[in-house]
Amino acid sequence: MEDRPEVTIIDGGLATELEAGGLNLQDDPLWSARILQTNPQAIKDVHTRYLSSGADVITTATYQATLAGFVKYLGLKSEEAALLLQSGVYIAKEAVAEFLSESRSSERRKPLIAGSIGPYGAFLHDGSEYSGNYVESMTNEELKTWHRPQMQSLITAGVDLIAMETIPSQKEGEALVELLKEFPNAKAWLSFSVKDGKCISHGENFEDAVKFAIKSDQLVSVGLNCCSPDIISPLLISANKARGPEIGWIVYPNSGETWDSNTRWWRKSVNNQLAKFALEWKELGAKWIGGCCRTTPADIAELRRTLTLNLSHD
């Protein structure tokens, strides 16, 4: 992979933008992945908005896309399911190609396409993606067997790298990194979900969970996503002594709002937390920064302005 800038900017919430456009994703076991079948143009439009806002990386709408899920919920055959999953890559490629053809900036690098792979618990659709408790009854080989078709499909479709994201446990993270070895030319990042300023969602210390991953020469970055912005710095500080200079952190938190399960809505409106903390995360070794749930193209645009202004003053 070509040399990247000092900080690579990732896009923000895909489902957030789809819902803002009137699509209902709540309680859907396929979540935004269903839109690959029902309204692919809506996904492409979101990719385009993030590219226009300054994202260096766009992430495919495949977080909750699995061959088994498409077979179960859409009635597809396995071959059809693989093609639908791969369509997420082709949609992103079209968005990048059209954006570059219309871009007036000669300084803009070609944006990367990251193929999203979520945890096994996202398929279960029972909340366990936030705890990772299912790994206690699964072997590493079973986890690799589950993730293999998705990783194979995304790599075959030509993603620039794999986004192994919102992974709740060290065990599943290690299984994914081991699986990646079956595709020796592929690159990826590994991003954990966390429950506080010390531990990932399943309970392991973040510092311990990343030790295995940072040794992989196929990972461009290791870090965390889908959490509150204000707990990121303590996590990075705790693990910085284990991180070598050759790999930087990846961080892409939620907006800072919190989910209220009673009202089924996000509460506590906040100002842009990404731009607020970005320079601090950069100083702590973050080289890939973006947003997750409830972040928008406007947030990414402000993040880019903040980082660009900082570079011009360095």
C-alpha atoms as a PDB file:
ATOM      1  CA  MET A   1       0.000   0.000   0.000  1.00  0.00           C
ATOM      2  CA  GLU A   2       1.356   3.403  -0.967  1.00  0.00           C
ATOM      3  CA  ASP A   3       2.600   5.775   1.704  1.00  0.00           C
ATOM      4  CA  ARG A   4      -0.302   7.537   3.350  1.00  0.00           C
ATOM      5  CA  PRO A   5      -0.432  11.055   4.798  1.00  0.00           C
ATOM      6  CA  GLU A   6       0.457  11.699   8.425  1.00  0.00           C
ATOM      7  CA  VAL A   7      -3.182  11.117   9.389  1.00  0.00           C
ATOM      8  CA  THR A   8      -5.572   9.214   7.140  1.00  0.00           C
ATOM      9  CA  ILE A   9      -9.175  10.340   7.522  1.00  0.00           C
ATOM     10  CA  ILE A  10     -11.864   7.665   7.589  1.00  0.00           C
ATOM     11  CA  ASP A  11     -15.509   8.299   6.772  1.00  0.00           C
ATOM     12  CA  GLY A  12     -18.304   8.490   9.363  1.00  0.00           C
ATOM     13  CA  GLY A  13     -21.588   6.757  10.041  1.00  0.00           C
ATOM     14  CA  LEU A  14     -23.120   5.085   6.985  1.00  0.00           C
ATOM     15  CA  ALA A  15     -26.364   3.913   8.591  1.00  0.00           C
ATOM     16  CA  THR A  16     -26.759   7.342  10.205  1.00  0.00           C
ATOM     17  CA  GLU A  17     -26.843   8.966   6.793  1.00  0.00           C
ATOM     18  CA  LEU A  18     -29.127   6.315   5.314  1.00  0.00           C
ATOM     19  CA  GLU A  19     -31.611   6.830   8.145  1.00  0.00           C
ATOM     20  CA  ALA A  20     -31.363  10.598   7.756  1.00  0.00           C
ATOM     21  CA  GLY A  21     -32.438  10.021   4.167  1.00  0.00           C
ATOM     22  CA  GLY A  22     -35.605   8.288   5.309  1.00  0.00           C
ATOM     23  CA  LEU A  23     -34.603   4.623   5.292  1.00  0.00           C
ATOM     24  CA  ASN A  24     -35.702   2.554   8.291  1.00  0.00           C
ATOM     25  CA  LEU A  25     -32.957   0.221   9.520  1.00  0.00           C
ATOM     26  CA  GLN A  26     -34.047  -0.269  13.127  1.00  0.00           C
ATOM     27  CA  ASP A  27     -34.459  -3.917  14.231  1.00  0.00           C
ATOM     28  CA  ASP A  28     -33.422  -5.193  10.810  1.00  0.00           C
ATOM     29  CA  PRO A  29     -31.129  -8.232  11.249  1.00  0.00           C
ATOM     30  CA  LEU A  30     -29.222  -7.137   8.138  1.00  0.00           C
ATOM     31  CA  TRP A  31     -29.125  -3.461   9.160  1.00  0.00           C
ATOM     32  CA  SER A  32     -27.611  -1.292   6.418  1.00  0.00           C
ATOM     33  CA  ALA A  33     -26.541  -4.378   4.432  1.00  0.00           C
ATOM     34  CA  ARG A  34     -30.146  -4.858   3.293  1.00  0.00           C
ATOM     35  CA  ILE A  35     -29.874  -1.587   1.371  1.00  0.00           C
ATOM     36  CA  LEU A  36     -27.329  -3.262  -0.907  1.00  0.00           C
ATOM     37  CA  GLN A  37     -30.332  -5.035  -2.400  1.00  0.00           C
ATOM     38  CA  THR A  38     -33.126  -2.499  -1.978  1.00  0.00           C
ATOM     39  CA  ASN A  39     -31.461   0.855  -2.688  1.00  0.00           C
ATOM     40  CA  PRO A  40     -27.771   0.655  -3.708  1.00  0.00           C
ATOM     41  CA  GLN A  41     -27.880   4.210  -5.058  1.00  0.00           C
ATOM     42  CA  ALA A  42     -28.550   5.498  -1.534  1.00  0.00           C
ATOM     43  CA  ILE A  43     -25.330   3.832  -0.349  1.00  0.00           C
ATOM     44  CA  LYS A  44     -23.382   5.287  -3.254  1.00  0.00           C
ATOM     45  CA  ASP A  45     -24.741   8.746  -2.470  1.00  0.00           C
ATOM     46  CA  VAL A  46     -23.523   8.465   1.134  1.00  0.00           C
ATOM     47  CA  HIS A  47     -20.065   7.378  -0.028  1.00  0.00           C
ATOM     48  CA  THR A  48     -19.976  10.394  -2.330  1.00  0.00           C
ATOM     49  CA  ARG A  49     -20.904  12.792   0.471  1.00  0.00           C
ATOM     50  CA  TYR A  50     -18.078  11.485   2.633  1.00  0.00           C
ATOM     51  CA  LEU A  51     -15.598  11.728  -0.222  1.00  0.00           C
ATOM     52  CA  SER A  52     -16.687  15.311  -0.843  1.00  0.00           C
ATOM     53  CA  SER A  53     -16.225  16.022   2.869  1.00  0.00           C
ATOM     54  CA  GLY A  54     -12.591  14.941   2.777  1.00  0.00           C
ATOM     55  CA  ALA A  55     -12.578  11.251   3.686  1.00  0.00           C
ATOM     56  CA  ASP A  56      -9.469   9.387   2.539  1.00  0.00           C
ATOM     57  CA  VAL A  57     -11.186   6.049   3.191  1.00  0.00           C
ATOM     58  CA  ILE A  58     -14.749   4.921   2.597  1.00  0.00           C
ATOM     59  CA  THR A  59     -16.038   1.773   4.255  1.00  0.00           C
ATOM     60  CA  THR A  60     -18.326  -0.659   2.459  1.00  0.00           C
ATOM     61  CA  ALA A  61     -21.902  -1.292   3.614  1.00  0.00           C
ATOM     62  CA  THR A  62     -21.018  -4.843   4.634  1.00  0.00           C
ATOM     63  CA  TYR A  63     -20.604  -4.665   8.420  1.00  0.00           C
ATOM     64  CA  GLN A  64     -23.668  -6.855   8.915  1.00  0.00           C
ATOM     65  CA  ALA A  65     -23.470  -8.532   5.500  1.00  0.00           C
ATOM     66  CA  THR A  66     -22.782 -12.251   5.656  1.00  0.00           C
ATOM     67  CA  LEU A  67     -23.451 -15.056   3.225  1.00  0.00           C
ATOM     68  CA  ALA A  68     -25.435 -16.907   5.877  1.00  0.00           C
ATOM     69  CA  GLY A  69     -27.446 -13.788   6.690  1.00  0.00           C
ATOM     70  CA  PHE A  70     -28.354 -13.131   3.071  1.00  0.00           C
ATOM     71  CA  VAL A  71     -29.401 -16.754   2.638  1.00  0.00           C
ATOM     72  CA  LYS A  72     -31.487 -16.693   5.821  1.00  0.00           C
ATOM     73  CA  TYR A  73     -33.177 -13.302   5.518  1.00  0.00           C
ATOM     74  CA  LEU A  74     -33.268 -12.686   1.761  1.00  0.00           C
ATOM     75  CA  GLY A  75     -33.725 -16.257   0.550  1.00  0.00           C
ATOM     76  CA  LEU A  76     -30.667 -16.090  -1.699  1.00  0.00           C
ATOM     77  CA  LYS A  77     -28.500 -18.981  -2.798  1.00  0.00           C
ATOM     78  CA  SER A  78     -24.919 -18.938  -1.528  1.00  0.00           C
ATOM     79  CA  GLU A  79     -23.553 -17.777  -4.877  1.00  0.00           C
ATOM     80  CA  GLU A  80     -26.104 -14.962  -5.023  1.00  0.00           C
ATOM     81  CA  ALA A  81     -25.288 -13.986  -1.448  1.00  0.00           C
ATOM     82  CA  ALA A  82     -21.590 -13.697  -2.288  1.00  0.00           C
ATOM     83  CA  LEU A  83     -22.370 -11.484  -5.276  1.00  0.00           C
ATOM     84  CA  LEU A  84     -24.608  -9.223  -3.195  1.00  0.00           C
ATOM     85  CA  LEU A  85     -21.892  -8.839  -0.571  1.00  0.00           C
ATOM     86  CA  GLN A  86     -19.352  -8.030  -3.280  1.00  0.00           C
ATOM     87  CA  SER A  87     -21.700  -5.424  -4.718  1.00  0.00           C
ATOM     88  CA  GLY A  88     -20.845  -3.310  -1.678  1.00  0.00           C
ATOM     89  CA  VAL A  89     -17.294  -3.076  -3.000  1.00  0.00           C
ATOM     90  CA  TYR A  90     -18.394  -2.275  -6.540  1.00  0.00           C
ATOM     91  CA  ILE A  91     -20.714   0.493  -5.296  1.00  0.00           C
ATOM     92  CA  ALA A  92     -17.809   2.039  -3.381  1.00  0.00           C
ATOM     93  CA  LYS A  93     -15.534   1.739  -6.435  1.00  0.00           C
ATOM     94  CA  GLU A  94     -18.088   3.539  -8.584  1.00  0.00           C
ATOM     95  CA  ALA A  95     -18.351   6.323  -6.022  1.00  0.00           C
ATOM     96  CA  VAL A  96     -14.565   6.762  -5.918  1.00  0.00           C
ATOM     97  CA  ALA A  97     -14.216   6.710  -9.706  1.00  0.00           C
ATOM     98  CA  GLU A  98     -16.954   9.295 -10.206  1.00  0.00           C
ATOM     99  CA  PHE A  99     -15.617  11.483  -7.420  1.00  0.00           C
ATOM    100  CA  LEU A 100     -12.108  11.496  -8.881  1.00  0.00           C
ATOM    101  CA  SER A 101     -13.416  12.263 -12.365  1.00  0.00           C
ATOM    102  CA  GLU A 102     -15.230  15.298 -11.004  1.00  0.00           C
ATOM    103  CA  SER A 103     -12.630  16.411  -8.465  1.00  0.00           C
ATOM    104  CA  ARG A 104     -10.775  19.618  -9.218  1.00  0.00           C
ATOM    105  CA  SER A 105      -8.054  19.018  -6.657  1.00  0.00           C
ATOM    106  CA  SER A 106      -4.812  17.704  -8.117  1.00  0.00           C
ATOM    107  CA  GLU A 107      -3.507  17.127  -4.585  1.00  0.00           C
ATOM    108  CA  ARG A 108      -6.178  14.610  -3.628  1.00  0.00           C
ATOM    109  CA  ARG A 109      -4.912  11.053  -3.273  1.00  0.00           C
ATOM    110  CA  LYS A 110      -7.039   8.239  -4.583  1.00  0.00           C
ATOM    111  CA  PRO A 111      -9.331   7.302  -1.675  1.00  0.00           C
ATOM    112  CA  LEU A 112      -9.091   3.788  -0.277  1.00  0.00           C
ATOM    113  CA  ILE A 113     -11.971   1.322  -0.014  1.00  0.00           C
ATOM    114  CA  ALA A 114     -12.126  -0.632   3.231  1.00  0.00           C
ATOM    115  CA  GLY A 115     -14.230  -3.801   3.209  1.00  0.00           C
ATOM    116  CA  SER A 116     -16.120  -3.915   6.491  1.00  0.00           C
ATOM    117  CA  ILE A 117     -16.316  -7.152   8.490  1.00  0.00           C
ATOM    118  CA  GLY A 118     -18.247  -6.992  11.748  1.00  0.00           C
ATOM    119  CA  PRO A 119     -18.197  -9.470  14.642  1.00  0.00           C
ATOM    120  CA  TYR A 120     -20.057 -12.785  14.633  1.00  0.00           C
ATOM    121  CA  GLY A 121     -22.452 -11.305  17.179  1.00  0.00           C
ATOM    122  CA  ALA A 122     -23.755  -8.847  14.573  1.00  0.00           C
ATOM    123  CA  PHE A 123     -25.206 -11.815  12.677  1.00  0.00           C
ATOM    124  CA  LEU A 124     -26.758 -13.230  15.850  1.00  0.00           C
ATOM    125  CA  HIS A 125     -28.695  -9.965  16.231  1.00  0.00           C
ATOM    126  CA  ASP A 126     -29.165 -10.523  19.953  1.00  0.00           C
ATOM    127  CA  GLY A 127     -26.978  -7.796  21.404  1.00  0.00           C
ATOM    128  CA  SER A 128     -24.004 -10.098  21.880  1.00  0.00           C
ATOM    129  CA  GLU A 129     -21.910  -8.046  19.458  1.00  0.00           C
ATOM    130  CA  TYR A 130     -21.574  -5.619  22.394  1.00  0.00           C
ATOM    131  CA  SER A 131     -20.339  -8.272  24.822  1.00  0.00           C
ATOM    132  CA  GLY A 132     -18.650 -10.961  22.731  1.00  0.00           C
ATOM    133  CA  ASN A 133     -19.875 -13.623  25.132  1.00  0.00           C
ATOM    134  CA  TYR A 134     -20.424 -16.078  22.269  1.00  0.00           C
ATOM    135  CA  VAL A 135     -16.663 -16.625  21.963  1.00  0.00           C
ATOM    136  CA  GLU A 136     -16.716 -18.603  25.192  1.00  0.00           C
ATOM    137  CA  SER A 137     -18.468 -21.448  23.377  1.00  0.00           C
ATOM    138  CA  MET A 138     -16.566 -21.147  20.073  1.00  0.00           C
ATOM    139  CA  THR A 139     -13.095 -22.237  19.047  1.00  0.00           C
ATOM    140  CA  ASN A 140     -10.705 -20.090  17.045  1.00  0.00           C
ATOM    141  CA  GLU A 141     -11.261 -22.395  14.083  1.00  0.00           C
ATOM    142  CA  GLU A 142     -15.022 -21.929  14.308  1.00  0.00           C
ATOM    143  CA  LEU A 143     -14.592 -18.162  14.323  1.00  0.00           C
ATOM    144  CA  LYS A 144     -12.263 -18.340  11.327  1.00  0.00           C
ATOM    145  CA  THR A 145     -14.718 -20.598   9.484  1.00  0.00           C
ATOM    146  CA  TRP A 146     -17.480 -18.055  10.089  1.00  0.00           C
ATOM    147  CA  HIS A 147     -15.506 -15.047   8.861  1.00  0.00           C
ATOM    148  CA  ARG A 148     -13.750 -16.731   5.931  1.00  0.00           C
ATOM    149  CA  PRO A 149     -16.531 -16.367   3.275  1.00  0.00           C
ATOM    150  CA  GLN A 150     -16.924 -12.662   3.977  1.00  0.00           C
ATOM    151  CA  MET A 151     -13.189 -11.970   3.890  1.00  0.00           C
ATOM    152  CA  GLN A 152     -12.769 -14.032   0.723  1.00  0.00           C
ATOM    153  CA  SER A 153     -15.626 -12.221  -1.030  1.00  0.00           C
ATOM    154  CA  LEU A 154     -14.367  -8.750  -0.155  1.00  0.00           C
ATOM    155  CA  ILE A 155     -10.789  -9.481  -1.192  1.00  0.00           C
ATOM    156  CA  THR A 156     -11.928 -11.104  -4.446  1.00  0.00           C
ATOM    157  CA  ALA A 157     -13.994  -7.985  -5.207  1.00  0.00           C
ATOM    158  CA  GLY A 158     -10.867  -5.860  -4.916  1.00  0.00           C
ATOM    159  CA  VAL A 159     -10.976  -3.873  -1.675  1.00  0.00           C
ATOM    160  CA  ASP A 160      -7.839  -1.964  -0.780  1.00  0.00           C
ATOM    161  CA  LEU A 161      -7.925  -3.308   2.759  1.00  0.00           C
ATOM    162  CA  ILE A 162     -10.208  -5.106   5.217  1.00  0.00           C
ATOM    163  CA  ALA A 163     -11.807  -3.268   8.136  1.00  0.00           C
ATOM    164  CA  MET A 164     -12.180  -5.842  10.916  1.00  0.00           C
ATOM    165  CA  GLU A 165     -14.228  -3.587  13.138  1.00  0.00           C
ATOM    166  CA  THR A 166     -16.200  -3.337  16.366  1.00  0.00           C
ATOM    167  CA  ILE A 167     -14.639  -6.616  17.507  1.00  0.00           C
ATOM    168  CA  PRO A 168     -15.627  -7.177  21.149  1.00  0.00           C
ATOM    169  CA  SER A 169     -13.096  -9.786  22.270  1.00  0.00           C
ATOM    170  CA  GLN A 170      -9.422 -10.554  22.058  1.00  0.00           C
ATOM    171  CA  LYS A 171     -10.204 -14.119  20.957  1.00  0.00           C
ATOM    172  CA  GLU A 172     -12.207 -13.027  17.904  1.00  0.00           C
ATOM    173  CA  GLY A 173      -9.595 -10.419  17.052  1.00  0.00           C
ATOM    174  CA  GLU A 174      -6.852 -13.017  17.120  1.00  0.00           C
ATOM    175  CA  ALA A 175      -8.953 -15.399  14.983  1.00  0.00           C
ATOM    176  CA  LEU A 176      -9.412 -12.661  12.363  1.00  0.00           C
ATOM    177  CA  VAL A 177      -5.701 -11.842  12.263  1.00  0.00           C
ATOM    178  CA  GLU A 178      -4.914 -15.539  11.879  1.00  0.00           C
ATOM    179  CA  LEU A 179      -7.492 -15.810   9.074  1.00  0.00           C
ATOM    180  CA  LEU A 180      -5.908 -12.848   7.304  1.00  0.00           C
ATOM    181  CA  LYS A 181      -2.739 -14.927   6.862  1.00  0.00           C
ATOM    182  CA  GLU A 182      -4.667 -17.078   4.378  1.00  0.00           C
ATOM    183  CA  PHE A 183      -4.690 -14.000   2.138  1.00  0.00           C
ATOM    184  CA  PRO A 184      -1.006 -12.998   2.323  1.00  0.00           C
ATOM    185  CA  ASN A 185      -1.290 -10.055  -0.056  1.00  0.00           C
ATOM    186  CA  ALA A 186      -4.175  -8.478   1.845  1.00  0.00           C
ATOM    187  CA  LYS A 187      -3.908  -5.583   4.297  1.00  0.00           C
ATOM    188  CA  ALA A 188      -6.333  -4.759   7.100  1.00  0.00           C
ATOM    189  CA  TRP A 189      -6.992  -2.863  10.266  1.00  0.00           C
ATOM    190  CA  LEU A 190      -8.326  -4.370  13.473  1.00  0.00           C
ATOM    191  CA  SER A 191     -10.564  -2.235  15.645  1.00  0.00           C
ATOM    192  CA  PHE A 192     -12.042  -3.300  18.983  1.00  0.00           C
ATOM    193  CA  SER A 193     -15.189  -2.098  20.673  1.00  0.00           C
ATOM    194  CA  VAL A 194     -14.604  -1.055  24.274  1.00  0.00           C
ATOM    195  CA  LYS A 195     -16.713  -0.702  27.402  1.00  0.00           C
ATOM    196  CA  ASP A 196     -14.673   1.829  29.378  1.00  0.00           C
ATOM    197  CA  GLY A 197     -11.319   3.572  29.497  1.00  0.00           C
ATOM    198  CA  LYS A 198      -9.458   0.364  30.223  1.00  0.00           C
ATOM    199  CA  CYS A 199     -11.163  -2.701  28.753  1.00  0.00           C
ATOM    200  CA  ILE A 200     -12.587  -3.916  25.462  1.00  0.00           C
ATOM    201  CA  SER A 201     -16.203  -5.067  25.453  1.00  0.00           C
ATOM    202  CA  HIS A 202     -15.579  -8.667  26.501  1.00  0.00           C
ATOM    203  CA  GLY A 203     -13.491  -7.553  29.461  1.00  0.00           C
ATOM    204  CA  GLU A 204      -9.882  -7.951  28.367  1.00  0.00           C
ATOM    205  CA  ASN A 205      -7.532  -5.040  28.952  1.00  0.00           C
ATOM    206  CA  PHE A 206      -7.109  -3.080  25.742  1.00  0.00           C
ATOM    207  CA  GLU A 207      -3.374  -3.065  26.379  1.00  0.00           C
ATOM    208  CA  ASP A 208      -3.311  -6.881  26.347  1.00  0.00           C
ATOM    209  CA  ALA A 209      -5.764  -7.279  23.481  1.00  0.00           C
ATOM    210  CA  VAL A 210      -3.636  -5.341  20.988  1.00  0.00           C
ATOM    211  CA  LYS A 211      -0.325  -7.068  21.707  1.00  0.00           C
ATOM    212  CA  PHE A 212      -1.013  -9.967  19.354  1.00  0.00           C
ATOM    213  CA  ALA A 213      -2.303  -7.745  16.577  1.00  0.00           C
ATOM    214  CA  ILE A 214       0.506  -5.204  16.475  1.00  0.00           C
ATOM    215  CA  LYS A 215       2.945  -7.985  15.581  1.00  0.00           C
ATOM    216  CA  SER A 216       1.149  -8.669  12.293  1.00  0.00           C
ATOM    217  CA  ASP A 217       2.843  -7.229   9.213  1.00  0.00           C
ATOM    218  CA  GLN A 218      -0.522  -7.342   7.387  1.00  0.00           C
ATOM    219  CA  LEU A 219      -2.184  -4.819   9.679  1.00  0.00           C
ATOM    220  CA  VAL A 220      -1.849  -1.159   8.784  1.00  0.00           C
ATOM    221  CA  SER A 221      -3.362  -0.136  12.115  1.00  0.00           C
ATOM    222  CA  VAL A 222      -4.915  -1.402  15.349  1.00  0.00           C
ATOM    223  CA  GLY A 223      -7.307   0.445  17.621  1.00  0.00           C
ATOM    224  CA  LEU A 224     -10.915   0.998  18.581  1.00  0.00           C
ATOM    225  CA  ASN A 225     -14.247   2.264  17.320  1.00  0.00           C
ATOM    226  CA  CYS A 226     -17.922   2.619  18.222  1.00  0.00           C
ATOM    227  CA  CYS A 227     -17.291   4.151  21.646  1.00  0.00           C
ATOM    228  CA  SER A 228     -17.518   7.515  23.338  1.00  0.00           C
ATOM    229  CA  PRO A 229     -14.754   9.910  22.214  1.00  0.00           C
ATOM    230  CA  ASP A 230     -13.817  10.851  25.774  1.00  0.00           C
ATOM    231  CA  ILE A 231     -12.503   7.387  26.749  1.00  0.00           C
ATOM    232  CA  ILE A 232     -10.128   6.970  23.803  1.00  0.00           C
ATOM    233  CA  SER A 233      -7.080   8.803  25.154  1.00  0.00           C
ATOM    234  CA  PRO A 234      -6.792   6.719  28.358  1.00  0.00           C
ATOM    235  CA  LEU A 235      -6.940   3.545  26.262  1.00  0.00           C
ATOM    236  CA  LEU A 236      -4.212   4.719  23.891  1.00  0.00           C
ATOM    237  CA  ILE A 237      -2.017   5.850  26.785  1.00  0.00           C
ATOM    238  CA  SER A 238      -2.388   2.448  28.470  1.00  0.00           C
ATOM    239  CA  ALA A 239      -1.219   0.596  25.365  1.00  0.00           C
ATOM    240  CA  ASN A 240       1.339   2.999  23.914  1.00  0.00           C
ATOM    241  CA  LYS A 241       4.286   1.275  25.540  1.00  0.00           C
ATOM    242  CA  ALA A 242       3.443  -1.899  23.599  1.00  0.00           C
ATOM    243  CA  ARG A 243       3.107  -0.164  20.237  1.00  0.00           C
ATOM    244  CA  GLY A 244       6.137   0.090  18.001  1.00  0.00           C
ATOM    245  CA  PRO A 245       6.784   3.122  15.795  1.00  0.00           C
ATOM    246  CA  GLU A 246       5.923   1.192  12.644  1.00  0.00           C
ATOM    247  CA  ILE A 247       2.194   0.999  13.390  1.00  0.00           C
ATOM    248  CA  GLY A 248      -0.196   3.755  14.385  1.00  0.00           C
ATOM    249  CA  TRP A 249      -3.541   3.655  16.152  1.00  0.00           C
ATOM    250  CA  ILE A 250      -6.881   3.789  14.411  1.00  0.00           C
ATOM    251  CA  VAL A 251      -9.724   5.533  16.239  1.00  0.00           C
ATOM    252  CA  TYR A 252     -13.233   6.242  15.001  1.00  0.00           C
ATOM    253  CA  PRO A 253     -15.663   6.773  17.845  1.00  0.00           C
ATOM    254  CA  ASN A 254     -19.354   7.557  17.920  1.00  0.00           C
ATOM    255  CA  SER A 255     -20.584  11.139  18.090  1.00  0.00           C
ATOM    256  CA  GLY A 256     -20.631  11.259  21.884  1.00  0.00           C
ATOM    257  CA  GLU A 257     -24.396  10.861  22.103  1.00  0.00           C
ATOM    258  CA  THR A 258     -25.697   7.892  24.058  1.00  0.00           C
ATOM    259  CA  TRP A 259     -28.287   5.301  23.079  1.00  0.00           C
ATOM    260  CA  ASP A 260     -31.466   5.215  25.177  1.00  0.00           C
ATOM    261  CA  SER A 261     -32.960   1.733  24.842  1.00  0.00           C
ATOM    262  CA  ASN A 262     -36.283   2.900  26.285  1.00  0.00           C
ATOM    263  CA  THR A 263     -36.945   5.666  23.792  1.00  0.00           C
ATOM    264  CA  ARG A 264     -34.875   3.867  21.110  1.00  0.00           C
ATOM    265  CA  TRP A 265     -33.180   7.117  20.241  1.00  0.00           C
ATOM    266  CA  TRP A 266     -29.881   8.841  20.796  1.00  0.00           C
ATOM    267  CA  ARG A 267     -29.759  11.535  23.453  1.00  0.00           C
ATOM    268  CA  LYS A 268     -27.404  14.265  24.551  1.00  0.00           C
ATOM    269  CA  SER A 269     -26.704  16.372  21.539  1.00  0.00           C
ATOM    270  CA  VAL A 270     -23.045  17.347  21.458  1.00  0.00           C
ATOM    271  CA  ASN A 271     -20.707  19.472  19.406  1.00  0.00           C
ATOM    272  CA  ASN A 272     -18.275  17.764  17.064  1.00  0.00           C
ATOM    273  CA  GLN A 273     -16.208  15.544  19.341  1.00  0.00           C
ATOM    274  CA  LEU A 274     -13.949  14.255  16.558  1.00  0.00           C
ATOM    275  CA  ALA A 275     -12.411  17.633  15.822  1.00  0.00           C
ATOM    276  CA  LYS A 276     -12.234  18.409  19.548  1.00  0.00           C
ATOM    277  CA  PHE A 277     -10.056  15.393  20.357  1.00  0.00           C
ATOM    278  CA  ALA A 278      -8.319  14.731  17.021  1.00  0.00           C
ATOM    279  CA  LEU A 279      -5.074  16.546  17.758  1.00  0.00           C
ATOM    280  CA  GLU A 280      -4.790  14.846  21.140  1.00  0.00           C
ATOM    281  CA  TRP A 281      -5.265  11.416  19.529  1.00  0.00           C
ATOM    282  CA  LYS A 282      -2.699  12.302  16.875  1.00  0.00           C
ATOM    283  CA  GLU A 283      -0.163  13.163  19.563  1.00  0.00           C
ATOM    284  CA  LEU A 284      -0.849   9.775  21.166  1.00  0.00           C
ATOM    285  CA  GLY A 285      -0.024   7.964  17.941  1.00  0.00           C
ATOM    286  CA  ALA A 286      -3.288   7.857  15.981  1.00  0.00           C
ATOM    287  CA  LYS A 287      -2.628   7.758  12.251  1.00  0.00           C
ATOM    288  CA  TRP A 288      -6.152   6.821  11.124  1.00  0.00           C
ATOM    289  CA  ILE A 289      -9.053   8.908  12.487  1.00  0.00           C
ATOM    290  CA  GLY A 290     -12.733   9.000  11.579  1.00  0.00           C
ATOM    291  CA  GLY A 291     -16.224   8.523  12.940  1.00  0.00           C
ATOM    292  CA  CYS A 292     -18.678   5.733  13.683  1.00  0.00           C
ATOM    293  CA  CYS A 293     -22.343   5.866  14.750  1.00  0.00           C
ATOM    294  CA  ARG A 294     -24.114   9.234  14.539  1.00  0.00           C
ATOM    295  CA  THR A 295     -21.188  11.003  12.921  1.00  0.00           C
ATOM    296  CA  THR A 296     -21.854  12.784   9.630  1.00  0.00           C
ATOM    297  CA  PRO A 297     -20.110  14.217   6.564  1.00  0.00           C
ATOM    298  CA  ALA A 298     -20.090  17.589   8.312  1.00  0.00           C
ATOM    299  CA  ASP A 299     -18.140  16.048  11.201  1.00  0.00           C
ATOM    300  CA  ILE A 300     -15.606  14.565   8.801  1.00  0.00           C
ATOM    301  CA  ALA A 301     -15.231  17.881   6.977  1.00  0.00           C
ATOM    302  CA  GLU A 302     -14.500  19.653  10.275  1.00  0.00           C
ATOM    303  CA  LEU A 303     -12.096  16.879  11.272  1.00  0.00           C
ATOM    304  CA  ARG A 304     -10.199  17.349   8.029  1.00  0.00           C
ATOM    305  CA  ARG A 305     -10.056  21.138   8.491  1.00  0.00           C
ATOM    306  CA  THR A 306      -8.713  20.708  12.022  1.00  0.00           C
ATOM    307  CA  LEU A 307      -5.992  18.282  10.993  1.00  0.00           C
ATOM    308  CA  THR A 308      -5.049  20.217   7.872  1.00  0.00           C
ATOM    309  CA  LEU A 309      -4.744  23.464   9.826  1.00  0.00           C
ATOM    310  CA  ASN A 310      -2.565  21.715  12.389  1.00  0.00           C
ATOM    311  CA  LEU A 311      -0.244  20.387   9.684  1.00  0.00           C
ATOM    312  CA  SER A 312       0.093  23.831   8.136  1.00  0.00           C
ATOM    313  CA  HIS A 313       1.231  25.182  11.520  1.00  0.00           C
ATOM    314  CA  ASP A 314       3.706  22.405  12.241  1.00  0.00           C
END
